């Protein structure tokens, strides 16, 4: 007998599901379940149409909408800009740009040694 305060987990596969799957026969080797397949371009048709319409609309109204959003809702304006930036920016300029990881680690350890020496003399 199960105590009234505890709950039993439901079974992962019900008896009804087991009965349905018992009569399934896998496809023969080399035979697809959808022999004609998806027509070429069907997957991208909606996306391409949407992007075309969006591009057309942006050409007509884009600059005005951007300006209006910048003036009326700066938080959204900044959020859109931040969403367009890559997650990680790589800086390829500056005094350390050409150095390897090993060279940077050597510089860092030398700087730590100089700091430790200056802290010990004070």
PDB file of N, CA and C in Angstrom:
ATOM      1  N   UNK A   1       0.838  -1.171   0.000  1.00  0.00           N
ATOM      2  CA  UNK A   1       0.000   0.000   0.000  1.00  0.00           C
ATOM      3  C   UNK A   1       0.888   1.241   0.000  1.00  0.00           C
ATOM      4  N   UNK A   2       0.522   2.249  -0.795  1.00  0.00           N
ATOM      5  CA  UNK A   2       1.302   3.475  -0.928  1.00  0.00           C
ATOM      6  C   UNK A   2       0.756   4.486   0.067  1.00  0.00           C
ATOM      7  N   UNK A   3       1.627   5.129   0.845  1.00  0.00           N
ATOM      8  CA  UNK A   3       1.159   6.157   1.771  1.00  0.00           C
ATOM      9  C   UNK A   3       0.487   7.284   1.011  1.00  0.00           C
ATOM     10  N   UNK A   4      -0.489   7.915   1.611  1.00  0.00           N
ATOM     11  CA  UNK A   4      -1.296   8.921   0.922  1.00  0.00           C
ATOM     12  C   UNK A   4      -0.506  10.182   0.586  1.00  0.00           C
ATOM     13  N   UNK A   5       0.562  10.471   1.278  1.00  0.00           N
ATOM     14  CA  UNK A   5       1.324  11.694   1.041  1.00  0.00           C
ATOM     15  C   UNK A   5       2.310  11.594  -0.099  1.00  0.00           C
ATOM     16  N   UNK A   6       2.596  10.402  -0.606  1.00  0.00           N
ATOM     17  CA  UNK A   6       3.597  10.271  -1.670  1.00  0.00           C
ATOM     18  C   UNK A   6       2.918  10.115  -3.014  1.00  0.00           C
ATOM     19  N   UNK A   7       3.630  10.479  -4.052  1.00  0.00           N
ATOM     20  CA  UNK A   7       3.103  10.346  -5.403  1.00  0.00           C
ATOM     21  C   UNK A   7       3.983   9.368  -6.171  1.00  0.00           C
ATOM     22  N   UNK A   8       3.350   8.613  -7.050  1.00  0.00           N
ATOM     23  CA  UNK A   8       4.109   7.699  -7.902  1.00  0.00           C
ATOM     24  C   UNK A   8       4.382   8.380  -9.229  1.00  0.00           C
ATOM     25  N   UNK A   9       5.541   8.126  -9.782  1.00  0.00           N
ATOM     26  CA  UNK A   9       5.874   8.668 -11.093  1.00  0.00           C
ATOM     27  C   UNK A   9       5.071   7.935 -12.151  1.00  0.00           C
ATOM     28  N   UNK A  10       4.655   8.678 -13.178  1.00  0.00           N
ATOM     29  CA  UNK A  10       3.916   8.060 -14.274  1.00  0.00           C
ATOM     30  C   UNK A  10       4.885   7.222 -15.099  1.00  0.00           C
ATOM     31  N   UNK A  11       4.406   6.123 -15.650  1.00  0.00           N
ATOM     32  CA  UNK A  11       5.299   5.322 -16.499  1.00  0.00           C
ATOM     33  C   UNK A  11       5.684   6.102 -17.752  1.00  0.00           C
ATOM     34  N   UNK A  12       6.888   5.856 -18.252  1.00  0.00           N
ATOM     35  CA  UNK A  12       7.359   6.573 -19.432  1.00  0.00           C
ATOM     36  C   UNK A  12       6.570   6.201 -20.680  1.00  0.00           C
ATOM     37  N   UNK A  13       6.213   4.946 -20.810  1.00  0.00           N
ATOM     38  CA  UNK A  13       5.472   4.484 -21.977  1.00  0.00           C
ATOM     39  C   UNK A  13       4.180   3.846 -21.480  1.00  0.00           C
ATOM     40  N   UNK A  14       3.077   4.340 -21.977  1.00  0.00           N
ATOM     41  CA  UNK A  14       1.806   3.781 -21.529  1.00  0.00           C
ATOM     42  C   UNK A  14       1.511   2.485 -22.283  1.00  0.00           C
ATOM     43  N   UNK A  15       0.551   1.714 -21.764  1.00  0.00           N
ATOM     44  CA  UNK A  15       0.159   0.468 -22.424  1.00  0.00           C
ATOM     45  C   UNK A  15      -0.412   0.741 -23.804  1.00  0.00           C
ATOM     46  N   UNK A  16      -1.137   1.846 -23.952  1.00  0.00           N
ATOM     47  CA  UNK A  16      -1.722   2.198 -25.244  1.00  0.00           C
ATOM     48  C   UNK A  16      -0.625   2.472 -26.270  1.00  0.00           C
ATOM     49  N   UNK A  17       0.419   3.193 -25.858  1.00  0.00           N
ATOM     50  CA  UNK A  17       1.525   3.496 -26.772  1.00  0.00           C
ATOM     51  C   UNK A  17       2.246   2.223 -27.178  1.00  0.00           C
ATOM     52  N   UNK A  18       2.488   1.322 -26.220  1.00  0.00           N
ATOM     53  CA  UNK A  18       3.158   0.062 -26.554  1.00  0.00           C
ATOM     54  C   UNK A  18       2.369  -0.722 -27.575  1.00  0.00           C
ATOM     55  N   UNK A  19       1.048  -0.741 -27.444  1.00  0.00           N
ATOM     56  CA  UNK A  19       0.203  -1.468 -28.387  1.00  0.00           C
ATOM     57  C   UNK A  19       0.275  -0.879 -29.780  1.00  0.00           C
ATOM     58  N   UNK A  20       0.348   0.450 -29.880  1.00  0.00           N
ATOM     59  CA  UNK A  20       0.418   1.097 -31.186  1.00  0.00           C
ATOM     60  C   UNK A  20       1.735   0.786 -31.887  1.00  0.00           C
ATOM     61  N   UNK A  21       2.821   0.771 -31.147  1.00  0.00           N
ATOM     62  CA  UNK A  21       4.133   0.584 -31.750  1.00  0.00           C
ATOM     63  C   UNK A  21       4.484  -0.881 -32.014  1.00  0.00           C
ATOM     64  N   UNK A  22       3.718  -1.788 -31.475  1.00  0.00           N
ATOM     65  CA  UNK A  22       4.027  -3.198 -31.640  1.00  0.00           C
ATOM     66  C   UNK A  22       3.884  -3.646 -33.101  1.00  0.00           C
ATOM     67  N   UNK A  23       2.956  -3.038 -33.839  1.00  0.00           N
ATOM     68  CA  UNK A  23       2.684  -3.484 -35.210  1.00  0.00           C
ATOM     69  C   UNK A  23       3.476  -2.702 -36.261  1.00  0.00           C
ATOM     70  N   UNK A  24       4.344  -1.806 -35.853  1.00  0.00           N
ATOM     71  CA  UNK A  24       5.118  -1.035 -36.823  1.00  0.00           C
ATOM     72  C   UNK A  24       6.198  -1.895 -37.450  1.00  0.00           C
ATOM     73  N   UNK A  25       6.378  -1.730 -38.751  1.00  0.00           N
ATOM     74  CA  UNK A  25       7.404  -2.464 -39.480  1.00  0.00           C
ATOM     75  C   UNK A  25       8.385  -1.426 -40.015  1.00  0.00           C
ATOM     76  N   UNK A  26       9.664  -1.580 -39.744  1.00  0.00           N
ATOM     77  CA  UNK A  26      10.622  -0.600 -40.255  1.00  0.00           C
ATOM     78  C   UNK A  26      10.698  -0.671 -41.781  1.00  0.00           C
ATOM     79  N   UNK A  27      11.162   0.411 -42.379  1.00  0.00           N
ATOM     80  CA  UNK A  27      11.310   0.448 -43.825  1.00  0.00           C
ATOM     81  C   UNK A  27      12.364  -0.553 -44.268  1.00  0.00           C
ATOM     82  N   UNK A  28      12.208  -1.027 -45.471  1.00  0.00           N
ATOM     83  CA  UNK A  28      13.213  -1.914 -46.038  1.00  0.00           C
ATOM     84  C   UNK A  28      14.496  -1.132 -46.252  1.00  0.00           C
ATOM     85  N   UNK A  29      15.610  -1.818 -46.251  1.00  0.00           N
ATOM     86  CA  UNK A  29      16.898  -1.195 -46.417  1.00  0.00           C
ATOM     87  C   UNK A  29      16.938  -0.420 -47.734  1.00  0.00           C
ATOM     88  N   UNK A  30      17.309   0.864 -47.666  1.00  0.00           N
ATOM     89  CA  UNK A  30      17.408   1.701 -48.857  1.00  0.00           C
ATOM     90  C   UNK A  30      16.096   2.314 -49.289  1.00  0.00           C
ATOM     91  N   UNK A  31      15.004   2.091 -48.563  1.00  0.00           N
ATOM     92  CA  UNK A  31      13.698   2.623 -48.941  1.00  0.00           C
ATOM     93  C   UNK A  31      13.324   3.740 -47.967  1.00  0.00           C
ATOM     94  N   UNK A  32      12.896   4.870 -48.503  1.00  0.00           N
ATOM     95  CA  UNK A  32      12.510   6.012 -47.689  1.00  0.00           C
ATOM     96  C   UNK A  32      11.026   5.952 -47.373  1.00  0.00           C
ATOM     97  N   UNK A  33      10.637   6.581 -46.260  1.00  0.00           N
ATOM     98  CA  UNK A  33       9.225   6.680 -45.923  1.00  0.00           C
ATOM     99  C   UNK A  33       8.528   7.736 -46.757  1.00  0.00           C
ATOM    100  N   UNK A  34       9.286   8.587 -47.412  1.00  0.00           N
ATOM    101  CA  UNK A  34       8.734   9.633 -48.263  1.00  0.00           C
ATOM    102  C   UNK A  34       9.528   9.624 -49.565  1.00  0.00           C
ATOM    103  N   UNK A  35       9.193   8.719 -50.479  1.00  0.00           N
ATOM    104  CA  UNK A  35      10.028   8.538 -51.671  1.00  0.00           C
ATOM    105  C   UNK A  35      10.145   9.777 -52.561  1.00  0.00           C
ATOM    106  N   UNK A  36       9.106  10.584 -52.654  1.00  0.00           N
ATOM    107  CA  UNK A  36       9.191  11.778 -53.500  1.00  0.00           C
ATOM    108  C   UNK A  36       9.964  12.888 -52.799  1.00  0.00           C
ATOM    109  N   UNK A  37       9.977  12.878 -51.488  1.00  0.00           N
ATOM    110  CA  UNK A  37      10.740  13.862 -50.721  1.00  0.00           C
ATOM    111  C   UNK A  37      10.140  15.245 -50.768  1.00  0.00           C
ATOM    112  N   UNK A  38      10.841  16.168 -50.179  1.00  0.00           N
ATOM    113  CA  UNK A  38      10.404  17.557 -50.144  1.00  0.00           C
ATOM    114  C   UNK A  38      10.795  18.214 -51.458  1.00  0.00           C
ATOM    115  N   UNK A  39       9.888  18.976 -52.068  1.00  0.00           N
ATOM    116  CA  UNK A  39      10.241  19.660 -53.310  1.00  0.00           C
ATOM    117  C   UNK A  39      11.375  20.652 -53.083  1.00  0.00           C
ATOM    118  N   UNK A  40      12.222  20.831 -54.076  1.00  0.00           N
ATOM    119  CA  UNK A  40      13.348  21.752 -53.956  1.00  0.00           C
ATOM    120  C   UNK A  40      12.839  23.165 -53.696  1.00  0.00           C
ATOM    121  N   UNK A  41      13.458  23.841 -52.749  1.00  0.00           N
ATOM    122  CA  UNK A  41      13.101  25.219 -52.425  1.00  0.00           C
ATOM    123  C   UNK A  41      11.925  25.361 -51.486  1.00  0.00           C
ATOM    124  N   UNK A  42      11.226  24.295 -51.159  1.00  0.00           N
ATOM    125  CA  UNK A  42      10.051  24.393 -50.302  1.00  0.00           C
ATOM    126  C   UNK A  42      10.428  24.863 -48.897  1.00  0.00           C
ATOM    127  N   UNK A  43      11.553  24.425 -48.420  1.00  0.00           N
ATOM    128  CA  UNK A  43      11.966  24.769 -47.063  1.00  0.00           C
ATOM    129  C   UNK A  43      12.254  26.266 -46.941  1.00  0.00           C
ATOM    130  N   UNK A  44      12.853  26.858 -47.943  1.00  0.00           N
ATOM    131  CA  UNK A  44      13.291  28.245 -47.856  1.00  0.00           C
ATOM    132  C   UNK A  44      12.304  29.245 -48.459  1.00  0.00           C
ATOM    133  N   UNK A  45      11.230  28.781 -49.058  1.00  0.00           N
ATOM    134  CA  UNK A  45      10.323  29.661 -49.782  1.00  0.00           C
ATOM    135  C   UNK A  45       9.753  30.755 -48.876  1.00  0.00           C
ATOM    136  N   UNK A  46       9.229  30.380 -47.710  1.00  0.00           N
ATOM    137  CA  UNK A  46       8.636  31.358 -46.809  1.00  0.00           C
ATOM    138  C   UNK A  46       9.694  32.336 -46.308  1.00  0.00           C
ATOM    139  N   UNK A  47      10.840  31.830 -45.916  1.00  0.00           N
ATOM    140  CA  UNK A  47      11.895  32.695 -45.406  1.00  0.00           C
ATOM    141  C   UNK A  47      12.388  33.677 -46.448  1.00  0.00           C
ATOM    142  N   UNK A  48      12.550  33.224 -47.675  1.00  0.00           N
ATOM    143  CA  UNK A  48      13.013  34.100 -48.744  1.00  0.00           C
ATOM    144  C   UNK A  48      11.984  35.182 -49.045  1.00  0.00           C
ATOM    145  N   UNK A  49      10.713  34.808 -49.083  1.00  0.00           N
ATOM    146  CA  UNK A  49       9.650  35.781 -49.349  1.00  0.00           C
ATOM    147  C   UNK A  49       9.584  36.826 -48.235  1.00  0.00           C
ATOM    148  N   UNK A  50       9.683  36.359 -46.994  1.00  0.00           N
ATOM    149  CA  UNK A  50       9.659  37.271 -45.858  1.00  0.00           C
ATOM    150  C   UNK A  50      10.811  38.259 -45.921  1.00  0.00           C
ATOM    151  N   UNK A  51      12.021  37.764 -46.189  1.00  0.00           N
ATOM    152  CA  UNK A  51      13.186  38.643 -46.245  1.00  0.00           C
ATOM    153  C   UNK A  51      13.102  39.636 -47.402  1.00  0.00           C
ATOM    154  N   UNK A  52      12.529  39.211 -48.516  1.00  0.00           N
ATOM    155  CA  UNK A  52      12.354  40.123 -49.654  1.00  0.00           C
ATOM    156  C   UNK A  52      11.410  41.257 -49.281  1.00  0.00           C
ATOM    157  N   UNK A  53      10.280  40.919 -48.662  1.00  0.00           N
ATOM    158  CA  UNK A  53       9.315  41.948 -48.261  1.00  0.00           C
ATOM    159  C   UNK A  53       9.888  42.857 -47.184  1.00  0.00           C
ATOM    160  N   UNK A  54      10.626  42.287 -46.247  1.00  0.00           N
ATOM    161  CA  UNK A  54      11.247  43.076 -45.191  1.00  0.00           C
ATOM    162  C   UNK A  54      12.268  44.044 -45.783  1.00  0.00           C
ATOM    163  N   UNK A  55      13.046  43.573 -46.741  1.00  0.00           N
ATOM    164  CA  UNK A  55      14.043  44.421 -47.392  1.00  0.00           C
ATOM    165  C   UNK A  55      13.367  45.564 -48.147  1.00  0.00           C
ATOM    166  N   UNK A  56      12.293  45.258 -48.872  1.00  0.00           N
ATOM    167  CA  UNK A  56      11.557  46.301 -49.600  1.00  0.00           C
ATOM    168  C   UNK A  56      11.012  47.353 -48.644  1.00  0.00           C
ATOM    169  N   UNK A  57      10.431  46.909 -47.528  1.00  0.00           N
ATOM    170  CA  UNK A  57       9.878  47.833 -46.541  1.00  0.00           C
ATOM    171  C   UNK A  57      10.984  48.673 -45.907  1.00  0.00           C
ATOM    172  N   UNK A  58      12.110  48.043 -45.633  1.00  0.00           N
ATOM    173  CA  UNK A  58      13.224  48.779 -45.015  1.00  0.00           C
ATOM    174  C   UNK A  58      13.755  49.855 -45.959  1.00  0.00           C
ATOM    175  N   UNK A  59      13.804  49.556 -47.241  1.00  0.00           N
ATOM    176  CA  UNK A  59      14.272  50.558 -48.202  1.00  0.00           C
ATOM    177  C   UNK A  59      13.372  51.779 -48.204  1.00  0.00           C
ATOM    178  N   UNK A  60      12.061  51.583 -48.015  1.00  0.00           N
ATOM    179  CA  UNK A  60      11.115  52.703 -48.008  1.00  0.00           C
ATOM    180  C   UNK A  60      11.106  53.451 -46.677  1.00  0.00           C
ATOM    181  N   UNK A  61      11.102  52.735 -45.563  1.00  0.00           N
ATOM    182  CA  UNK A  61      10.835  53.345 -44.262  1.00  0.00           C
ATOM    183  C   UNK A  61      11.948  53.185 -43.242  1.00  0.00           C
ATOM    184  N   UNK A  62      12.992  52.447 -43.554  1.00  0.00           N
ATOM    185  CA  UNK A  62      13.997  52.070 -42.562  1.00  0.00           C
ATOM    186  C   UNK A  62      14.643  53.213 -41.826  1.00  0.00           C
ATOM    187  N   UNK A  63      15.157  54.200 -42.548  1.00  0.00           N
ATOM    188  CA  UNK A  63      15.875  55.301 -41.902  1.00  0.00           C
ATOM    189  C   UNK A  63      14.950  56.093 -40.985  1.00  0.00           C
ATOM    190  N   UNK A  64      13.728  56.348 -41.417  1.00  0.00           N
ATOM    191  CA  UNK A  64      12.777  57.116 -40.601  1.00  0.00           C
ATOM    192  C   UNK A  64      12.400  56.356 -39.330  1.00  0.00           C
ATOM    193  N   UNK A  65      12.215  55.046 -39.453  1.00  0.00           N
ATOM    194  CA  UNK A  65      11.847  54.237 -38.284  1.00  0.00           C
ATOM    195  C   UNK A  65      12.997  54.184 -37.290  1.00  0.00           C
ATOM    196  N   UNK A  66      14.196  54.018 -37.789  1.00  0.00           N
ATOM    197  CA  UNK A  66      15.371  53.985 -36.906  1.00  0.00           C
ATOM    198  C   UNK A  66      15.488  55.298 -36.141  1.00  0.00           C
ATOM    199  N   UNK A  67      15.309  56.411 -36.833  1.00  0.00           N
ATOM    200  CA  UNK A  67      15.395  57.714 -36.176  1.00  0.00           C
ATOM    201  C   UNK A  67      14.300  57.880 -35.127  1.00  0.00           C
ATOM    202  N   UNK A  68      13.085  57.457 -35.469  1.00  0.00           N
ATOM    203  CA  UNK A  68      11.972  57.581 -34.518  1.00  0.00           C
ATOM    204  C   UNK A  68      12.213  56.724 -33.269  1.00  0.00           C
ATOM    205  N   UNK A  69      12.678  55.499 -33.457  1.00  0.00           N
ATOM    206  CA  UNK A  69      12.953  54.621 -32.318  1.00  0.00           C
ATOM    207  C   UNK A  69      14.075  55.212 -31.468  1.00  0.00           C
ATOM    208  N   UNK A  70      15.100  55.752 -32.101  1.00  0.00           N
ATOM    209  CA  UNK A  70      16.205  56.353 -31.361  1.00  0.00           C
ATOM    210  C   UNK A  70      15.718  57.496 -30.479  1.00  0.00           C
ATOM    211  N   UNK A  71      14.785  58.305 -30.986  1.00  0.00           N
ATOM    212  CA  UNK A  71      14.290  59.446 -30.228  1.00  0.00           C
ATOM    213  C   UNK A  71      13.244  59.053 -29.186  1.00  0.00           C
ATOM    214  N   UNK A  72      12.332  58.144 -29.535  1.00  0.00           N
ATOM    215  CA  UNK A  72      11.208  57.828 -28.654  1.00  0.00           C
ATOM    216  C   UNK A  72      11.487  56.685 -27.685  1.00  0.00           C
ATOM    217  N   UNK A  73      12.359  55.747 -28.060  1.00  0.00           N
ATOM    218  CA  UNK A  73      12.617  54.594 -27.197  1.00  0.00           C
ATOM    219  C   UNK A  73      14.092  54.207 -27.284  1.00  0.00           C
ATOM    220  N   UNK A  74      14.954  54.988 -26.632  1.00  0.00           N
ATOM    221  CA  UNK A  74      16.395  54.725 -26.725  1.00  0.00           C
ATOM    222  C   UNK A  74      16.803  53.342 -26.220  1.00  0.00           C
ATOM    223  N   UNK A  75      16.068  52.792 -25.244  1.00  0.00           N
ATOM    224  CA  UNK A  75      16.414  51.465 -24.717  1.00  0.00           C
ATOM    225  C   UNK A  75      16.271  50.405 -25.805  1.00  0.00           C
ATOM    226  N   UNK A  76      15.207  50.472 -26.576  1.00  0.00           N
ATOM    227  CA  UNK A  76      15.016  49.522 -27.677  1.00  0.00           C
ATOM    228  C   UNK A  76      16.080  49.732 -28.745  1.00  0.00           C
ATOM    229  N   UNK A  77      16.394  50.982 -29.010  1.00  0.00           N
ATOM    230  CA  UNK A  77      17.426  51.311 -29.999  1.00  0.00           C
ATOM    231  C   UNK A  77      18.760  50.662 -29.622  1.00  0.00           C
ATOM    232  N   UNK A  78      19.160  50.797 -28.364  1.00  0.00           N
ATOM    233  CA  UNK A  78      20.415  50.204 -27.893  1.00  0.00           C
ATOM    234  C   UNK A  78      20.332  48.684 -27.898  1.00  0.00           C
ATOM    235  N   UNK A  79      19.173  48.133 -27.514  1.00  0.00           N
ATOM    236  CA  UNK A  79      19.008  46.672 -27.489  1.00  0.00           C
ATOM    237  C   UNK A  79      19.158  46.085 -28.892  1.00  0.00           C
ATOM    238  N   UNK A  80      18.622  46.771 -29.891  1.00  0.00           N
ATOM    239  CA  UNK A  80      18.755  46.293 -31.279  1.00  0.00           C
ATOM    240  C   UNK A  80      20.216  46.333 -31.713  1.00  0.00           C
ATOM    241  N   UNK A  81      20.897  47.406 -31.385  1.00  0.00           N
ATOM    242  CA  UNK A  81      22.313  47.514 -31.746  1.00  0.00           C
ATOM    243  C   UNK A  81      23.112  46.410 -31.063  1.00  0.00           C
ATOM    244  N   UNK A  82      22.861  46.201 -29.776  1.00  0.00           N
ATOM    245  CA  UNK A  82      23.586  45.163 -29.037  1.00  0.00           C
ATOM    246  C   UNK A  82      23.295  43.777 -29.613  1.00  0.00           C
ATOM    247  N   UNK A  83      22.067  43.546 -30.087  1.00  0.00           N
ATOM    248  CA  UNK A  83      21.716  42.256 -30.682  1.00  0.00           C
ATOM    249  C   UNK A  83      22.430  42.002 -32.001  1.00  0.00           C
ATOM    250  N   UNK A  84      22.827  43.063 -32.671  1.00  0.00           N
ATOM    251  CA  UNK A  84      23.523  42.918 -33.952  1.00  0.00           C
ATOM    252  C   UNK A  84      25.019  42.672 -33.784  1.00  0.00           C
ATOM    253  N   UNK A  85      25.558  43.031 -32.631  1.00  0.00           N
ATOM    254  CA  UNK A  85      26.989  42.846 -32.399  1.00  0.00           C
ATOM    255  C   UNK A  85      27.299  41.379 -32.135  1.00  0.00           C
ATOM    256  N   UNK A  86      28.481  40.937 -32.510  1.00  0.00           N
ATOM    257  CA  UNK A  86      28.862  39.556 -32.188  1.00  0.00           C
ATOM    258  C   UNK A  86      29.001  39.389 -30.680  1.00  0.00           C
ATOM    259  N   UNK A  87      28.807  38.169 -30.206  1.00  0.00           N
ATOM    260  CA  UNK A  87      28.872  37.900 -28.765  1.00  0.00           C
ATOM    261  C   UNK A  87      30.264  38.192 -28.204  1.00  0.00           C
ATOM    262  N   UNK A  88      31.284  37.931 -28.996  1.00  0.00           N
ATOM    263  CA  UNK A  88      32.656  38.136 -28.537  1.00  0.00           C
ATOM    264  C   UNK A  88      33.393  38.969 -29.578  1.00  0.00           C
ATOM    265  N   UNK A  89      33.877  40.100 -29.142  1.00  0.00           N
ATOM    266  CA  UNK A  89      34.645  40.955 -30.043  1.00  0.00           C
ATOM    267  C   UNK A  89      36.119  40.597 -29.946  1.00  0.00           C
ATOM    268  N   UNK A  90      36.759  40.492 -31.073  1.00  0.00           N
ATOM    269  CA  UNK A  90      38.185  40.202 -31.095  1.00  0.00           C
ATOM    270  C   UNK A  90      38.902  41.456 -31.568  1.00  0.00           C
ATOM    271  N   UNK A  91      39.771  41.953 -30.731  1.00  0.00           N
ATOM    272  CA  UNK A  91      40.531  43.141 -31.072  1.00  0.00           C
ATOM    273  C   UNK A  91      41.818  42.702 -31.756  1.00  0.00           C
ATOM    274  N   UNK A  92      41.989  43.085 -32.995  1.00  0.00           N
ATOM    275  CA  UNK A  92      43.182  42.665 -33.727  1.00  0.00           C
ATOM    276  C   UNK A  92      44.161  43.812 -33.913  1.00  0.00           C
ATOM    277  N   UNK A  93      43.998  44.879 -33.131  1.00  0.00           N
ATOM    278  CA  UNK A  93      44.949  45.979 -33.216  1.00  0.00           C
ATOM    279  C   UNK A  93      45.462  46.279 -31.818  1.00  0.00           C
ATOM    280  N   UNK A  94      46.501  47.059 -31.755  1.00  0.00           N
ATOM    281  CA  UNK A  94      47.069  47.415 -30.463  1.00  0.00           C
ATOM    282  C   UNK A  94      48.457  46.834 -30.301  1.00  0.00           C
ATOM    283  N   UNK A  95      49.119  47.179 -29.203  1.00  0.00           N
ATOM    284  CA  UNK A  95      50.516  46.775 -29.030  1.00  0.00           C
ATOM    285  C   UNK A  95      50.715  45.274 -28.828  1.00  0.00           C
ATOM    286  N   UNK A  96      49.683  44.555 -28.379  1.00  0.00           N
ATOM    287  CA  UNK A  96      49.836  43.122 -28.098  1.00  0.00           C
ATOM    288  C   UNK A  96      49.190  42.231 -29.160  1.00  0.00           C
ATOM    289  N   UNK A  97      48.694  42.817 -30.231  1.00  0.00           N
ATOM    290  CA  UNK A  97      47.928  42.065 -31.231  1.00  0.00           C
ATOM    291  C   UNK A  97      48.752  40.965 -31.906  1.00  0.00           C
ATOM    292  N   UNK A  98      50.043  41.219 -32.120  1.00  0.00           N
ATOM    293  CA  UNK A  98      50.879  40.267 -32.850  1.00  0.00           C
ATOM    294  C   UNK A  98      51.527  39.218 -31.952  1.00  0.00           C
ATOM    295  N   UNK A  99      51.339  39.338 -30.635  1.00  0.00           N
ATOM    296  CA  UNK A  99      52.002  38.420 -29.709  1.00  0.00           C
ATOM    297  C   UNK A  99      51.221  37.125 -29.569  1.00  0.00           C
ATOM    298  N   UNK A 100      51.937  36.031 -29.359  1.00  0.00           N
ATOM    299  CA  UNK A 100      51.301  34.737 -29.135  1.00  0.00           C
ATOM    300  C   UNK A 100      50.851  34.648 -27.678  1.00  0.00           C
ATOM    301  N   UNK A 101      50.065  33.624 -27.366  1.00  0.00           N
ATOM    302  CA  UNK A 101      49.597  33.402 -25.999  1.00  0.00           C
ATOM    303  C   UNK A 101      50.797  33.202 -25.063  1.00  0.00           C
ATOM    304  N   UNK A 102      51.792  32.451 -25.509  1.00  0.00           N
ATOM    305  CA  UNK A 102      52.971  32.192 -24.689  1.00  0.00           C
ATOM    306  C   UNK A 102      53.714  33.490 -24.370  1.00  0.00           C
ATOM    307  N   UNK A 103      53.853  34.358 -25.385  1.00  0.00           N
ATOM    308  CA  UNK A 103      54.531  35.635 -25.163  1.00  0.00           C
ATOM    309  C   UNK A 103      53.742  36.514 -24.197  1.00  0.00           C
ATOM    310  N   UNK A 104      52.423  36.517 -24.326  1.00  0.00           N
ATOM    311  CA  UNK A 104      51.589  37.293 -23.408  1.00  0.00           C
ATOM    312  C   UNK A 104      51.707  36.761 -21.982  1.00  0.00           C
ATOM    313  N   UNK A 105      51.774  35.431 -21.832  1.00  0.00           N
ATOM    314  CA  UNK A 105      51.934  34.844 -20.498  1.00  0.00           C
ATOM    315  C   UNK A 105      53.281  35.211 -19.890  1.00  0.00           C
ATOM    316  N   UNK A 106      54.331  35.253 -20.714  1.00  0.00           N
ATOM    317  CA  UNK A 106      55.653  35.670 -20.212  1.00  0.00           C
ATOM    318  C   UNK A 106      55.628  37.120 -19.734  1.00  0.00           C
ATOM    319  N   UNK A 107      55.000  37.988 -20.500  1.00  0.00           N
ATOM    320  CA  UNK A 107      54.887  39.396 -20.111  1.00  0.00           C
ATOM    321  C   UNK A 107      54.105  39.523 -18.805  1.00  0.00           C
ATOM    322  N   UNK A 108      53.016  38.774 -18.701  1.00  0.00           N
ATOM    323  CA  UNK A 108      52.191  38.825 -17.489  1.00  0.00           C
ATOM    324  C   UNK A 108      52.971  38.338 -16.273  1.00  0.00           C
ATOM    325  N   UNK A 109      53.719  37.256 -16.416  1.00  0.00           N
ATOM    326  CA  UNK A 109      54.488  36.749 -15.271  1.00  0.00           C
ATOM    327  C   UNK A 109      55.605  37.715 -14.902  1.00  0.00           C
ATOM    328  N   UNK A 110      56.221  38.369 -15.885  1.00  0.00           N
ATOM    329  CA  UNK A 110      57.256  39.364 -15.593  1.00  0.00           C
ATOM    330  C   UNK A 110      56.643  40.562 -14.869  1.00  0.00           C
ATOM    331  N   UNK A 111      55.456  40.978 -15.275  1.00  0.00           N
ATOM    332  CA  UNK A 111      54.775  42.093 -14.606  1.00  0.00           C
ATOM    333  C   UNK A 111      54.417  41.721 -13.176  1.00  0.00           C
ATOM    334  N   UNK A 112      53.963  40.488 -12.965  1.00  0.00           N
ATOM    335  CA  UNK A 112      53.645  40.034 -11.606  1.00  0.00           C
ATOM    336  C   UNK A 112      54.900  40.031 -10.729  1.00  0.00           C
ATOM    337  N   UNK A 113      56.021  39.602 -11.290  1.00  0.00           N
ATOM    338  CA  UNK A 113      57.277  39.568 -10.537  1.00  0.00           C
ATOM    339  C   UNK A 113      57.708  40.973 -10.147  1.00  0.00           C
ATOM    340  N   UNK A 114      57.593  41.932 -11.045  1.00  0.00           N
ATOM    341  CA  UNK A 114      57.958  43.313 -10.758  1.00  0.00           C
ATOM    342  C   UNK A 114      57.034  43.876  -9.674  1.00  0.00           C
ATOM    343  N   UNK A 115      55.728  43.589  -9.768  1.00  0.00           N
ATOM    344  CA  UNK A 115      54.786  44.064  -8.760  1.00  0.00           C
ATOM    345  C   UNK A 115      55.083  43.440  -7.404  1.00  0.00           C
ATOM    346  N   UNK A 116      55.375  42.154  -7.390  1.00  0.00           N
ATOM    347  CA  UNK A 116      55.690  41.483  -6.122  1.00  0.00           C
ATOM    348  C   UNK A 116      56.951  42.071  -5.505  1.00  0.00           C
ATOM    349  N   UNK A 117      57.960  42.374  -6.333  1.00  0.00           N
ATOM    350  CA  UNK A 117      59.212  42.954  -5.853  1.00  0.00           C
ATOM    351  C   UNK A 117      58.963  44.353  -5.298  1.00  0.00           C
ATOM    352  N   UNK A 118      58.171  45.150  -5.995  1.00  0.00           N
ATOM    353  CA  UNK A 118      57.908  46.518  -5.525  1.00  0.00           C
ATOM    354  C   UNK A 118      57.054  46.506  -4.266  1.00  0.00           C
ATOM    355  N   UNK A 119      56.143  45.533  -4.121  1.00  0.00           N
ATOM    356  CA  UNK A 119      55.335  45.443  -2.910  1.00  0.00           C
ATOM    357  C   UNK A 119      56.162  44.987  -1.720  1.00  0.00           C
ATOM    358  N   UNK A 120      57.169  44.155  -1.953  1.00  0.00           N
ATOM    359  CA  UNK A 120      57.985  43.646  -0.854  1.00  0.00           C
ATOM    360  C   UNK A 120      58.977  44.700  -0.341  1.00  0.00           C
ATOM    361  N   UNK A 121      59.368  45.662  -1.189  1.00  0.00           N
ATOM    362  CA  UNK A 121      60.295  46.683  -0.773  1.00  0.00           C
ATOM    363  C   UNK A 121      59.605  47.856  -0.072  1.00  0.00           C
ATOM    364  N   UNK A 122      58.336  47.937  -0.153  1.00  0.00           N
ATOM    365  CA  UNK A 122      57.616  49.054   0.475  1.00  0.00           C
ATOM    366  C   UNK A 122      57.305  48.806   1.899  1.00  0.00           C
TER     367      UNK A 122
END
